[in-house]
C-alpha cells in the first residue's frame, strides 16, 4: 500500500533545494517577488531537515518553484518500514547516506 505527498523544490542557478513544507510556498513566492521589486534583497529559505539557505533575489534572477507528487510507501506486509526512495526526485536522495545529496 502506498500514499502520495506533495514535495516542493526551489531551483536557483541550476541548484535545486528541497523546501521544508508546502505551507511556506505562498509566503516564499511573496518574499521573492518583494525582493525582486525592491531592486534585490536576500530571502531566507527554510529547507528540508531544518536547514536554511539565503538567496539574493533580483529582477534578473531565474528562480523556479516546482511541486512533485511523490509516492511514499507506508511499509511492507510484515510490518517493516519501506526503504525504497526510487520515486523521490532522481539524483537527489540516496537511501545509503544519512544526508541528502544536492
Foldseek 3Di string as FASTA:
>chain_A
DKDKDKWKWKDWPNDIFTADDPVCPVVQVVVLVVQQVVAWDWDWTQGHPRDIDIDIHHVPTDMDMDMDIFIADQDDPVRHHDQDRPRPPPPFDDSPDPDTDD
